[in-house]
Each structure stands twice: as structure tokens, then as C-alpha cells.
């Protein structure tokens, strides 16, 4: 009996991505079950009842789904972030959870720079703006996305520094990036700070007033990561106390309406999560997810497991 792979996406993959996924699954002798733009989370739970593997994007993978999916062995989140998957429930049900790191990284990095350029030029309001050239950019974490941001920043002739205590000094030396040893120093010395940390219990609300208030004059905080990492009380305090402070983010904070009403010209928020919304990233992450499922079942490969 062939294994069944469910692709469940409220926000569907591009047609080319679906075709690639279907080809990989079929060539492996597996069966593809496709559920797109479903109106009710219950539809996803019902569809998962008899499948062996699940591919999702931003879709919520809940304890209720794990309870219902008796044959499920692996879930792959097509993207880097995986806070939409209940990892504890997955572990309790002996289900391996993976992400596809690196597949969306360039897309997210380009979006971060698009937002920076847009804000620096006054949101293209016809008035004089500023240039990124010569400004110092700090990267809070230097993973896959951070490396792409640094590459683009060098093309803009920006000075680039990064804080990432999990990486050896040799990584920064190889990429010719200034290594910052204390996170407070990153915020104190960089006019632009771009956030590339995941959302988890350790990082949620960790970007607080103590860090933000250390930023130099005309500071810009860039968040292409997750809104949960920002302490929104601190964010509102920064806007109120620092008229030179701006914030740009890939998805609006919960306090967006207050910021929009009080601080025009000092923010930009995408209307929905846009970091991975490119044709290339869409295809890359879908292909990676499919191959990881095949390698898991055929070879026992758990390289990208996140619920270890």
C-alpha cells in the first residue's frame, strides 16, 4: 500500500510548485492528497486522518490533528519558521517535524531591503529621503536570512555587523562581517537593526525598550521575522519617546492601528506575511519538503527535524 502525502495549504503553493511536488511524490510511488484554500480547519483534520505525511505552509497543525491522524509519521513546514506546528503534541504522537531552512532566505532578505529602501525614501512621497549607503546595519542573528541580508547590504555599501552567540568567530571573519559579542552593543552602534531570530518561549517579547532605546539617532528597527518577538508595550513607548525612531515589519503588530494613527511616515507594515511570497521561494520550499519526506521514509533521514 503506497504512502499518502497530504499538502494542506490555506495559502496555496504556486502552480509550478504543486506540479513539482506532485512529480516527486509520484516518482517515489506515493500518493498525493491536495487540499488548497480550505475554509475550515476541520477540513484539514479530516483530510489528515489517513495520511502518512503532511506538508503545510502557515497552516496550524494542532493537537486535534495529531489525535485524528493515526498514520501520520512526519510533518514538514515548507519554510523556516515552524511556530504554527504544536511540537509537543507532535512528539507525544511520535511524529517527526521538519522545516526547510534556507529555501526562503533570499526572498525574505530582499523584502527586508525593499522595506528599508521604501522607508528611507519617505515611502515615495515625493519629498527628499535618505540613502542606505554608509549607514551601519546590525543583524540580530546571522543564519540563512542574515547572510543574504549581509550580502545585499555590501552591494549598498553599508557597514554590516552581526550578533549571533551560536556561531564561531571564523564564520564572521570568512564573510567579512563585524562580530558583536553583546546584543546591547549591536543596538547601541547600529542605526538599522534587522531581526532574524525565531519566535519561541525564549525570544517572544525579547526585543524590548531596554534594547530599542539604546539605538542611535534616526534608528530603524526592521522585523522580517515574527511579530511575537517584539514587546509591543515597549514599541509604543519608543514611538512616543523617540520621534526619530521608525519600525518596519513583515506583518503588522497588534498595536498597528495606534501606530498608524499617531506616527505617520515612521512605519511600514506588509498587509500579510510576505517574506516567502516569491515564485522562486514557493517552488524551492515545496520541492525541499517533498524530498525530505521521501528521504525520511526511504533512508531514515531526519536532518531537518526540529522536535528533537
C-alpha atoms as a PDB file:
ATOM      1  CA  UNK A   1       0.000   0.000   0.000  1.00  0.00           C
ATOM      2  CA  UNK A   2       1.534   3.326  -1.076  1.00  0.00           C
ATOM      3  CA  UNK A   3       2.129   6.085   1.407  1.00  0.00           C
ATOM      4  CA  UNK A   4      -0.145   9.127   1.271  1.00  0.00           C
ATOM      5  CA  UNK A   5       1.248  12.670   1.426  1.00  0.00           C
ATOM      6  CA  UNK A   6      -1.180  15.488   2.212  1.00  0.00           C
ATOM      7  CA  UNK A   7      -0.367  19.012   1.054  1.00  0.00           C
ATOM      8  CA  UNK A   8      -2.701  21.248   3.072  1.00  0.00           C
ATOM      9  CA  UNK A   9      -2.391  24.960   2.309  1.00  0.00           C
ATOM     10  CA  UNK A  10      -4.892  27.716   3.000  1.00  0.00           C
ATOM     11  CA  UNK A  11      -2.398  29.904   1.135  1.00  0.00           C
ATOM     12  CA  UNK A  12      -1.747  27.627  -1.870  1.00  0.00           C
ATOM     13  CA  UNK A  13       1.605  26.902  -3.415  1.00  0.00           C
ATOM     14  CA  UNK A  14       2.176  28.309  -6.895  1.00  0.00           C
ATOM     15  CA  UNK A  15       1.075  26.067  -9.738  1.00  0.00           C
ATOM     16  CA  UNK A  16       4.690  25.295 -10.648  1.00  0.00           C
ATOM     17  CA  UNK A  17       5.400  24.267  -7.064  1.00  0.00           C
ATOM     18  CA  UNK A  18       2.385  21.943  -6.937  1.00  0.00           C
ATOM     19  CA  UNK A  19       3.459  20.347 -10.209  1.00  0.00           C
ATOM     20  CA  UNK A  20       6.965  19.788  -8.851  1.00  0.00           C
ATOM     21  CA  UNK A  21       5.663  18.335  -5.587  1.00  0.00           C
ATOM     22  CA  UNK A  22       3.279  16.041  -7.457  1.00  0.00           C
ATOM     23  CA  UNK A  23       6.094  14.804  -9.688  1.00  0.00           C
ATOM     24  CA  UNK A  24       8.382  13.991  -6.777  1.00  0.00           C
ATOM     25  CA  UNK A  25       5.638  12.209  -4.826  1.00  0.00           C
ATOM     26  CA  UNK A  26       4.501  10.200  -7.868  1.00  0.00           C
ATOM     27  CA  UNK A  27       8.052   9.208  -8.843  1.00  0.00           C
ATOM     28  CA  UNK A  28       8.542   7.800  -5.348  1.00  0.00           C
ATOM     29  CA  UNK A  29       5.443   5.673  -5.747  1.00  0.00           C
ATOM     30  CA  UNK A  30       3.482   7.654  -3.179  1.00  0.00           C
ATOM     31  CA  UNK A  31       0.001   9.157  -3.415  1.00  0.00           C
ATOM     32  CA  UNK A  32      -0.568  12.917  -3.272  1.00  0.00           C
ATOM     33  CA  UNK A  33      -3.612  14.338  -1.478  1.00  0.00           C
ATOM     34  CA  UNK A  34      -4.081  18.053  -2.221  1.00  0.00           C
ATOM     35  CA  UNK A  35      -6.157  20.369  -0.025  1.00  0.00           C
ATOM     36  CA  UNK A  36      -5.971  24.041  -1.028  1.00  0.00           C
ATOM     37  CA  UNK A  37      -7.774  27.188   0.159  1.00  0.00           C
ATOM     38  CA  UNK A  38      -9.882  25.191   2.591  1.00  0.00           C
ATOM     39  CA  UNK A  39     -12.423  27.299   4.535  1.00  0.00           C
ATOM     40  CA  UNK A  40     -12.427  25.418   7.843  1.00  0.00           C
ATOM     41  CA  UNK A  41      -9.537  23.948   9.913  1.00  0.00           C
ATOM     42  CA  UNK A  42     -11.752  20.890  10.389  1.00  0.00           C
ATOM     43  CA  UNK A  43     -11.299  20.163   6.675  1.00  0.00           C
ATOM     44  CA  UNK A  44      -7.566  19.776   7.207  1.00  0.00           C
ATOM     45  CA  UNK A  45      -8.065  17.499  10.210  1.00  0.00           C
ATOM     46  CA  UNK A  46     -10.453  15.307   8.219  1.00  0.00           C
ATOM     47  CA  UNK A  47      -8.062  15.135   5.244  1.00  0.00           C
ATOM     48  CA  UNK A  48      -5.160  14.158   7.532  1.00  0.00           C
ATOM     49  CA  UNK A  49      -6.992  11.205   9.072  1.00  0.00           C
ATOM     50  CA  UNK A  50      -5.425   8.551   6.835  1.00  0.00           C
ATOM     51  CA  UNK A  51      -2.202  10.123   5.541  1.00  0.00           C
ATOM     52  CA  UNK A  52       1.391   9.214   6.363  1.00  0.00           C
ATOM     53  CA  UNK A  53       2.948  12.647   5.775  1.00  0.00           C
ATOM     54  CA  UNK A  54       1.855  16.260   5.793  1.00  0.00           C
ATOM     55  CA  UNK A  55       3.239  19.368   4.087  1.00  0.00           C
ATOM     56  CA  UNK A  56       1.999  22.777   5.295  1.00  0.00           C
ATOM     57  CA  UNK A  57       2.926  26.408   4.924  1.00  0.00           C
ATOM     58  CA  UNK A  58       1.494  28.727   7.608  1.00  0.00           C
ATOM     59  CA  UNK A  59      -1.338  26.308   8.398  1.00  0.00           C
ATOM     60  CA  UNK A  60      -1.904  25.440  12.071  1.00  0.00           C
ATOM     61  CA  UNK A  61      -1.022  21.862  12.964  1.00  0.00           C
ATOM     62  CA  UNK A  62      -2.851  21.292  16.232  1.00  0.00           C
ATOM     63  CA  UNK A  63      -3.170  18.562  18.873  1.00  0.00           C
ATOM     64  CA  UNK A  64      -6.596  17.800  17.413  1.00  0.00           C
ATOM     65  CA  UNK A  65      -4.977  16.992  14.076  1.00  0.00           C
ATOM     66  CA  UNK A  66      -2.365  14.750  15.650  1.00  0.00           C
ATOM     67  CA  UNK A  67      -5.111  12.911  17.545  1.00  0.00           C
ATOM     68  CA  UNK A  68      -7.016  12.326  14.317  1.00  0.00           C
ATOM     69  CA  UNK A  69      -4.076  11.417  12.054  1.00  0.00           C
ATOM     70  CA  UNK A  70      -3.346   7.897  13.295  1.00  0.00           C
ATOM     71  CA  UNK A  71      -0.930   7.047  10.462  1.00  0.00           C
ATOM     72  CA  UNK A  72       0.971  10.333  10.445  1.00  0.00           C
ATOM     73  CA  UNK A  73       4.729   9.971  10.782  1.00  0.00           C
ATOM     74  CA  UNK A  74       6.130  13.289   9.532  1.00  0.00           C
ATOM     75  CA  UNK A  75       5.089  16.936   9.135  1.00  0.00           C
ATOM     76  CA  UNK A  76       7.191  19.306   7.039  1.00  0.00           C
ATOM     77  CA  UNK A  77       6.675  23.027   7.343  1.00  0.00           C
ATOM     78  CA  UNK A  78       7.622  24.434   3.930  1.00  0.00           C
ATOM     79  CA  UNK A  79       9.599  27.407   5.247  1.00  0.00           C
ATOM     80  CA  UNK A  80      11.938  28.299   8.059  1.00  0.00           C
ATOM     81  CA  UNK A  81       9.561  29.198  10.897  1.00  0.00           C
ATOM     82  CA  UNK A  82       7.589  26.368  12.490  1.00  0.00           C
ATOM     83  CA  UNK A  83       5.710  28.045  15.342  1.00  0.00           C
ATOM     84  CA  UNK A  84       2.454  27.059  13.609  1.00  0.00           C
ATOM     85  CA  UNK A  85       3.125  23.396  14.483  1.00  0.00           C
ATOM     86  CA  UNK A  86       2.454  22.105  18.010  1.00  0.00           C
ATOM     87  CA  UNK A  87       5.821  20.450  18.604  1.00  0.00           C
ATOM     88  CA  UNK A  88       4.961  18.937  21.957  1.00  0.00           C
ATOM     89  CA  UNK A  89       1.884  17.250  20.571  1.00  0.00           C
ATOM     90  CA  UNK A  90       3.903  16.001  17.596  1.00  0.00           C
ATOM     91  CA  UNK A  91       6.482  14.492  19.937  1.00  0.00           C
ATOM     92  CA  UNK A  92       3.760  12.938  22.107  1.00  0.00           C
ATOM     93  CA  UNK A  93       2.370  11.246  18.983  1.00  0.00           C
ATOM     94  CA  UNK A  94       5.835  10.133  17.756  1.00  0.00           C
ATOM     95  CA  UNK A  95       5.626  12.410  14.708  1.00  0.00           C
ATOM     96  CA  UNK A  96       8.791  13.959  13.279  1.00  0.00           C
ATOM     97  CA  UNK A  97       8.510  17.676  12.450  1.00  0.00           C
ATOM     98  CA  UNK A  98      10.871  19.323   9.971  1.00  0.00           C
ATOM     99  CA  UNK A  99      11.260  22.724   8.356  1.00  0.00           C
ATOM    100  CA  UNK A 100      13.014  23.635   5.098  1.00  0.00           C
ATOM    101  CA  UNK A 101      15.715  26.104   6.193  1.00  0.00           C
ATOM    102  CA  UNK A 102      17.308  28.287   3.568  1.00  0.00           C
ATOM    103  CA  UNK A 103      14.720  27.842   0.837  1.00  0.00           C
ATOM    104  CA  UNK A 104      13.002  31.189   1.520  1.00  0.00           C
ATOM    105  CA  UNK A 105      16.049  33.052   2.773  1.00  0.00           C
ATOM    106  CA  UNK A 106      16.834  35.224  -0.235  1.00  0.00           C
ATOM    107  CA  UNK A 107      13.165  36.159  -0.638  1.00  0.00           C
ATOM    108  CA  UNK A 108      12.982  37.321   2.993  1.00  0.00           C
ATOM    109  CA  UNK A 109      16.254  39.229   2.682  1.00  0.00           C
ATOM    110  CA  UNK A 110      15.107  41.052  -0.450  1.00  0.00           C
ATOM    111  CA  UNK A 111      11.859  42.006   1.287  1.00  0.00           C
ATOM    112  CA  UNK A 112      13.790  43.404   4.251  1.00  0.00           C
ATOM    113  CA  UNK A 113      15.789  45.613   1.905  1.00  0.00           C
ATOM    114  CA  UNK A 114      12.732  46.608  -0.065  1.00  0.00           C
ATOM    115  CA  UNK A 115      11.150  47.856   3.160  1.00  0.00           C
ATOM    116  CA  UNK A 116      14.343  49.690   4.157  1.00  0.00           C
ATOM    117  CA  UNK A 117      14.607  51.466   0.817  1.00  0.00           C
ATOM    118  CA  UNK A 118      10.902  52.327   0.875  1.00  0.00           C
ATOM    119  CA  UNK A 119      11.111  53.924   4.321  1.00  0.00           C
ATOM    120  CA  UNK A 120      14.435  55.660   3.647  1.00  0.00           C
ATOM    121  CA  UNK A 121      12.900  57.361   0.609  1.00  0.00           C
ATOM    122  CA  UNK A 122       9.915  58.623   2.570  1.00  0.00           C
ATOM    123  CA  UNK A 123       7.609  55.866   1.271  1.00  0.00           C
ATOM    124  CA  UNK A 124       7.990  57.508  -2.154  1.00  0.00           C
ATOM    125  CA  UNK A 125       6.003  60.562  -1.088  1.00  0.00           C
ATOM    126  CA  UNK A 126       7.809  62.929  -3.467  1.00  0.00           C
ATOM    127  CA  UNK A 127       9.986  64.516  -0.770  1.00  0.00           C
ATOM    128  CA  UNK A 128      13.692  64.129  -0.103  1.00  0.00           C
ATOM    129  CA  UNK A 129      14.688  60.981   1.729  1.00  0.00           C
ATOM    130  CA  UNK A 130      17.972  59.400   2.812  1.00  0.00           C
ATOM    131  CA  UNK A 131      20.336  56.800   1.369  1.00  0.00           C
ATOM    132  CA  UNK A 132      21.382  53.472   2.847  1.00  0.00           C
ATOM    133  CA  UNK A 133      24.965  53.869   1.645  1.00  0.00           C
ATOM    134  CA  UNK A 134      27.364  54.410   4.526  1.00  0.00           C
ATOM    135  CA  UNK A 135      24.814  53.530   7.216  1.00  0.00           C
ATOM    136  CA  UNK A 136      25.542  50.791   9.745  1.00  0.00           C
ATOM    137  CA  UNK A 137      23.299  47.735   9.664  1.00  0.00           C
ATOM    138  CA  UNK A 138      23.156  45.324  12.590  1.00  0.00           C
ATOM    139  CA  UNK A 139      21.893  41.785  12.151  1.00  0.00           C
ATOM    140  CA  UNK A 140      20.314  40.211  15.214  1.00  0.00           C
ATOM    141  CA  UNK A 141      21.211  36.591  14.355  1.00  0.00           C
ATOM    142  CA  UNK A 142      23.326  35.536  11.417  1.00  0.00           C
ATOM    143  CA  UNK A 143      21.610  32.489   9.954  1.00  0.00           C
ATOM    144  CA  UNK A 144      20.454  31.816   6.409  1.00  0.00           C
ATOM    145  CA  UNK A 145      18.439  35.033   6.063  1.00  0.00           C
ATOM    146  CA  UNK A 146      21.022  37.150   7.841  1.00  0.00           C
ATOM    147  CA  UNK A 147      23.731  36.004   5.444  1.00  0.00           C
ATOM    148  CA  UNK A 148      21.648  37.083   2.444  1.00  0.00           C
ATOM    149  CA  UNK A 149      20.875  40.430   4.063  1.00  0.00           C
ATOM    150  CA  UNK A 150      24.609  40.976   4.636  1.00  0.00           C
ATOM    151  CA  UNK A 151      25.352  40.136   1.001  1.00  0.00           C
ATOM    152  CA  UNK A 152      22.811  42.670  -0.250  1.00  0.00           C
ATOM    153  CA  UNK A 153      23.991  45.281   2.265  1.00  0.00           C
ATOM    154  CA  UNK A 154      27.518  45.083   0.903  1.00  0.00           C
ATOM    155  CA  UNK A 155      26.108  45.946  -2.515  1.00  0.00           C
ATOM    156  CA  UNK A 156      24.569  49.050  -0.957  1.00  0.00           C
ATOM    157  CA  UNK A 157      27.960  49.892   0.575  1.00  0.00           C
ATOM    158  CA  UNK A 158      26.590  49.642   4.104  1.00  0.00           C
ATOM    159  CA  UNK A 159      28.699  48.791   7.119  1.00  0.00           C
ATOM    160  CA  UNK A 160      27.491  45.424   8.464  1.00  0.00           C
ATOM    161  CA  UNK A 161      27.747  43.929  11.952  1.00  0.00           C
ATOM    162  CA  UNK A 162      26.048  40.906  13.485  1.00  0.00           C
ATOM    163  CA  UNK A 163      25.305  39.344  16.851  1.00  0.00           C
ATOM    164  CA  UNK A 164      24.956  35.567  16.997  1.00  0.00           C
ATOM    165  CA  UNK A 165      26.426  33.788  20.024  1.00  0.00           C
ATOM    166  CA  UNK A 166      25.856  30.367  18.453  1.00  0.00           C
ATOM    167  CA  UNK A 167      28.329  30.860  15.621  1.00  0.00           C
ATOM    168  CA  UNK A 168      32.143  30.657  15.783  1.00  0.00           C
ATOM    169  CA  UNK A 169      34.290  33.669  15.064  1.00  0.00           C
ATOM    170  CA  UNK A 170      35.535  32.103  11.826  1.00  0.00           C
ATOM    171  CA  UNK A 171      32.091  32.459  10.196  1.00  0.00           C
ATOM    172  CA  UNK A 172      32.127  36.230  10.624  1.00  0.00           C
ATOM    173  CA  UNK A 173      35.749  36.514   9.508  1.00  0.00           C
ATOM    174  CA  UNK A 174      35.038  34.496   6.357  1.00  0.00           C
ATOM    175  CA  UNK A 175      32.111  36.762   5.414  1.00  0.00           C
ATOM    176  CA  UNK A 176      33.968  39.927   6.466  1.00  0.00           C
ATOM    177  CA  UNK A 177      31.237  40.843   8.946  1.00  0.00           C
ATOM    178  CA  UNK A 178      31.974  42.659  12.192  1.00  0.00           C
ATOM    179  CA  UNK A 179      31.201  40.318  15.061  1.00  0.00           C
ATOM    180  CA  UNK A 180      29.367  41.866  18.013  1.00  0.00           C
ATOM    181  CA  UNK A 181      29.748  39.957  21.277  1.00  0.00           C
ATOM    182  CA  UNK A 182      26.937  41.579  23.263  1.00  0.00           C
ATOM    183  CA  UNK A 183      23.442  42.165  21.934  1.00  0.00           C
ATOM    184  CA  UNK A 184      23.257  45.548  23.683  1.00  0.00           C
ATOM    185  CA  UNK A 185      26.274  46.711  21.694  1.00  0.00           C
ATOM    186  CA  UNK A 186      24.540  45.802  18.437  1.00  0.00           C
ATOM    187  CA  UNK A 187      21.612  48.090  19.220  1.00  0.00           C
ATOM    188  CA  UNK A 188      23.831  50.844  20.587  1.00  0.00           C
ATOM    189  CA  UNK A 189      26.040  51.072  17.499  1.00  0.00           C
ATOM    190  CA  UNK A 190      23.729  50.337  14.546  1.00  0.00           C
ATOM    191  CA  UNK A 191      21.297  52.805  13.004  1.00  0.00           C
ATOM    192  CA  UNK A 192      19.475  49.931  11.297  1.00  0.00           C
ATOM    193  CA  UNK A 193      18.866  46.668  13.161  1.00  0.00           C
ATOM    194  CA  UNK A 194      17.318  43.744  11.277  1.00  0.00           C
ATOM    195  CA  UNK A 195      15.799  40.901  13.290  1.00  0.00           C
ATOM    196  CA  UNK A 196      16.351  37.289  12.253  1.00  0.00           C
ATOM    197  CA  UNK A 197      15.563  35.336  15.402  1.00  0.00           C
ATOM    198  CA  UNK A 198      12.789  32.714  15.620  1.00  0.00           C
ATOM    199  CA  UNK A 199       9.653  33.085  17.731  1.00  0.00           C
ATOM    200  CA  UNK A 200       9.781  30.753  20.719  1.00  0.00           C
ATOM    201  CA  UNK A 201       9.290  30.986  24.506  1.00  0.00           C
ATOM    202  CA  UNK A 202      12.831  32.324  24.917  1.00  0.00           C
ATOM    203  CA  UNK A 203      12.592  35.060  22.288  1.00  0.00           C
ATOM    204  CA  UNK A 204       8.948  36.166  22.477  1.00  0.00           C
ATOM    205  CA  UNK A 205       8.796  39.842  23.555  1.00  0.00           C
ATOM    206  CA  UNK A 206      12.591  39.838  23.926  1.00  0.00           C
ATOM    207  CA  UNK A 207      13.019  42.928  21.726  1.00  0.00           C
ATOM    208  CA  UNK A 208      12.115  45.373  24.449  1.00  0.00           C
ATOM    209  CA  UNK A 209      12.536  49.007  25.402  1.00  0.00           C
ATOM    210  CA  UNK A 210      15.907  48.386  27.027  1.00  0.00           C
ATOM    211  CA  UNK A 211      17.309  47.239  23.679  1.00  0.00           C
ATOM    212  CA  UNK A 212      15.427  49.610  21.387  1.00  0.00           C
ATOM    213  CA  UNK A 213      16.189  52.694  23.464  1.00  0.00           C
ATOM    214  CA  UNK A 214      19.918  52.097  23.012  1.00  0.00           C
ATOM    215  CA  UNK A 215      19.667  52.646  19.250  1.00  0.00           C
ATOM    216  CA  UNK A 216      21.299  55.824  17.848  1.00  0.00           C
ATOM    217  CA  UNK A 217      19.508  58.829  16.378  1.00  0.00           C
ATOM    218  CA  UNK A 218      17.218  58.143  13.391  1.00  0.00           C
ATOM    219  CA  UNK A 219      17.061  54.464  14.313  1.00  0.00           C
ATOM    220  CA  UNK A 220      15.146  51.994  12.174  1.00  0.00           C
ATOM    221  CA  UNK A 221      14.123  48.607  13.533  1.00  0.00           C
ATOM    222  CA  UNK A 222      13.466  46.072  10.764  1.00  0.00           C
ATOM    223  CA  UNK A 223      11.429  42.951  11.511  1.00  0.00           C
ATOM    224  CA  UNK A 224      11.145  40.410   8.676  1.00  0.00           C
ATOM    225  CA  UNK A 225      10.823  37.653  11.300  1.00  0.00           C
ATOM    226  CA  UNK A 226       7.776  37.259  13.602  1.00  0.00           C
ATOM    227  CA  UNK A 227       5.668  39.883  15.366  1.00  0.00           C
ATOM    228  CA  UNK A 228       5.751  37.876  18.610  1.00  0.00           C
ATOM    229  CA  UNK A 229       9.419  38.682  19.250  1.00  0.00           C
ATOM    230  CA  UNK A 230       8.555  42.370  19.752  1.00  0.00           C
ATOM    231  CA  UNK A 231       7.374  43.661  23.133  1.00  0.00           C
ATOM    232  CA  UNK A 232       4.596  45.887  21.823  1.00  0.00           C
ATOM    233  CA  UNK A 233       4.328  47.971  25.008  1.00  0.00           C
ATOM    234  CA  UNK A 234       7.995  48.808  24.511  1.00  0.00           C
ATOM    235  CA  UNK A 235       7.421  49.522  20.829  1.00  0.00           C
ATOM    236  CA  UNK A 236       4.680  52.035  21.618  1.00  0.00           C
ATOM    237  CA  UNK A 237       6.894  53.622  24.268  1.00  0.00           C
ATOM    238  CA  UNK A 238       9.694  54.015  21.718  1.00  0.00           C
ATOM    239  CA  UNK A 239       7.375  55.707  19.229  1.00  0.00           C
ATOM    240  CA  UNK A 240       6.134  58.063  21.946  1.00  0.00           C
ATOM    241  CA  UNK A 241       9.517  58.970  23.437  1.00  0.00           C
ATOM    242  CA  UNK A 242      11.743  58.894  20.327  1.00  0.00           C
ATOM    243  CA  UNK A 243      10.405  60.999  17.456  1.00  0.00           C
ATOM    244  CA  UNK A 244      13.396  59.840  15.391  1.00  0.00           C
ATOM    245  CA  UNK A 245      12.519  56.132  15.705  1.00  0.00           C
ATOM    246  CA  UNK A 246      10.904  54.081  12.915  1.00  0.00           C
ATOM    247  CA  UNK A 247       9.708  50.481  12.680  1.00  0.00           C
ATOM    248  CA  UNK A 248       9.131  48.364   9.574  1.00  0.00           C
ATOM    249  CA  UNK A 249       7.845  44.808   9.659  1.00  0.00           C
ATOM    250  CA  UNK A 250       6.685  41.891   7.569  1.00  0.00           C
ATOM    251  CA  UNK A 251       3.211  41.681   9.141  1.00  0.00           C
ATOM    252  CA  UNK A 252       1.697  44.343  11.362  1.00  0.00           C
ATOM    253  CA  UNK A 253       1.928  44.285  15.155  1.00  0.00           C
ATOM    254  CA  UNK A 254      -1.267  44.010  17.169  1.00  0.00           C
ATOM    255  CA  UNK A 255      -0.888  47.692  18.054  1.00  0.00           C
ATOM    256  CA  UNK A 256      -0.695  48.743  14.382  1.00  0.00           C
ATOM    257  CA  UNK A 257      -3.787  50.974  14.440  1.00  0.00           C
ATOM    258  CA  UNK A 258      -2.356  53.129  17.219  1.00  0.00           C
ATOM    259  CA  UNK A 259       0.966  53.481  15.405  1.00  0.00           C
ATOM    260  CA  UNK A 260      -0.751  54.313  12.115  1.00  0.00           C
ATOM    261  CA  UNK A 261      -2.948  56.971  13.715  1.00  0.00           C
ATOM    262  CA  UNK A 262      -0.197  58.694  15.702  1.00  0.00           C
ATOM    263  CA  UNK A 263       3.075  58.271  13.826  1.00  0.00           C
ATOM    264  CA  UNK A 264       2.674  58.730  10.053  1.00  0.00           C
ATOM    265  CA  UNK A 265       5.811  58.318   7.976  1.00  0.00           C
ATOM    266  CA  UNK A 266       7.610  56.350  10.669  1.00  0.00           C
ATOM    267  CA  UNK A 267       6.435  52.835   9.898  1.00  0.00           C
ATOM    268  CA  UNK A 268       5.614  50.338   7.200  1.00  0.00           C
ATOM    269  CA  UNK A 269       3.808  47.015   7.656  1.00  0.00           C
ATOM    270  CA  UNK A 270       3.072  44.465   4.953  1.00  0.00           C
ATOM    271  CA  UNK A 271      -0.650  43.661   4.669  1.00  0.00           C
ATOM    272  CA  UNK A 272       0.103  39.974   5.327  1.00  0.00           C
ATOM    273  CA  UNK A 273       3.187  37.831   5.828  1.00  0.00           C
ATOM    274  CA  UNK A 274       5.126  38.383   2.586  1.00  0.00           C
ATOM    275  CA  UNK A 275       8.678  37.181   3.238  1.00  0.00           C
ATOM    276  CA  UNK A 276       8.399  33.900   1.368  1.00  0.00           C
ATOM    277  CA  UNK A 277       5.938  35.163  -1.220  1.00  0.00           C
ATOM    278  CA  UNK A 278       8.030  34.791  -4.356  1.00  0.00           C
ATOM    279  CA  UNK A 279       7.651  32.276  -7.148  1.00  0.00           C
ATOM    280  CA  UNK A 280      11.191  31.030  -6.571  1.00  0.00           C
ATOM    281  CA  UNK A 281      10.837  30.531  -2.804  1.00  0.00           C
ATOM    282  CA  UNK A 282       7.460  28.899  -3.309  1.00  0.00           C
ATOM    283  CA  UNK A 283       8.892  26.276  -5.634  1.00  0.00           C
ATOM    284  CA  UNK A 284      12.104  25.790  -3.658  1.00  0.00           C
ATOM    285  CA  UNK A 285      10.360  25.145  -0.335  1.00  0.00           C
ATOM    286  CA  UNK A 286       7.801  22.804  -1.881  1.00  0.00           C
ATOM    287  CA  UNK A 287      10.477  20.725  -3.596  1.00  0.00           C
ATOM    288  CA  UNK A 288      12.581  20.610  -0.434  1.00  0.00           C
ATOM    289  CA  UNK A 289       9.611  19.489   1.682  1.00  0.00           C
ATOM    290  CA  UNK A 290       8.770  16.694  -0.756  1.00  0.00           C
ATOM    291  CA  UNK A 291      12.339  15.435  -0.949  1.00  0.00           C
ATOM    292  CA  UNK A 292      12.688  15.493   2.831  1.00  0.00           C
ATOM    293  CA  UNK A 293       9.609  13.293   3.194  1.00  0.00           C
ATOM    294  CA  UNK A 294      10.927  10.801   0.644  1.00  0.00           C
ATOM    295  CA  UNK A 295      14.352  10.720   2.292  1.00  0.00           C
ATOM    296  CA  UNK A 296      12.743  10.242   5.691  1.00  0.00           C
ATOM    297  CA  UNK A 297      10.713   7.222   4.644  1.00  0.00           C
ATOM    298  CA  UNK A 298      13.287   5.659   2.307  1.00  0.00           C
ATOM    299  CA  UNK A 299      16.517   6.417   4.197  1.00  0.00           C
ATOM    300  CA  UNK A 300      15.514   7.362   7.730  1.00  0.00           C
ATOM    301  CA  UNK A 301      16.930  10.860   7.164  1.00  0.00           C
ATOM    302  CA  UNK A 302      15.969  13.267   9.980  1.00  0.00           C
ATOM    303  CA  UNK A 303      18.451  16.042   9.140  1.00  0.00           C
ATOM    304  CA  UNK A 304      15.996  18.923   9.489  1.00  0.00           C
ATOM    305  CA  UNK A 305      13.997  17.615  12.457  1.00  0.00           C
ATOM    306  CA  UNK A 306      13.025  20.423  14.840  1.00  0.00           C
ATOM    307  CA  UNK A 307      11.295  18.471  17.646  1.00  0.00           C
ATOM    308  CA  UNK A 308      14.319  16.508  18.828  1.00  0.00           C
END
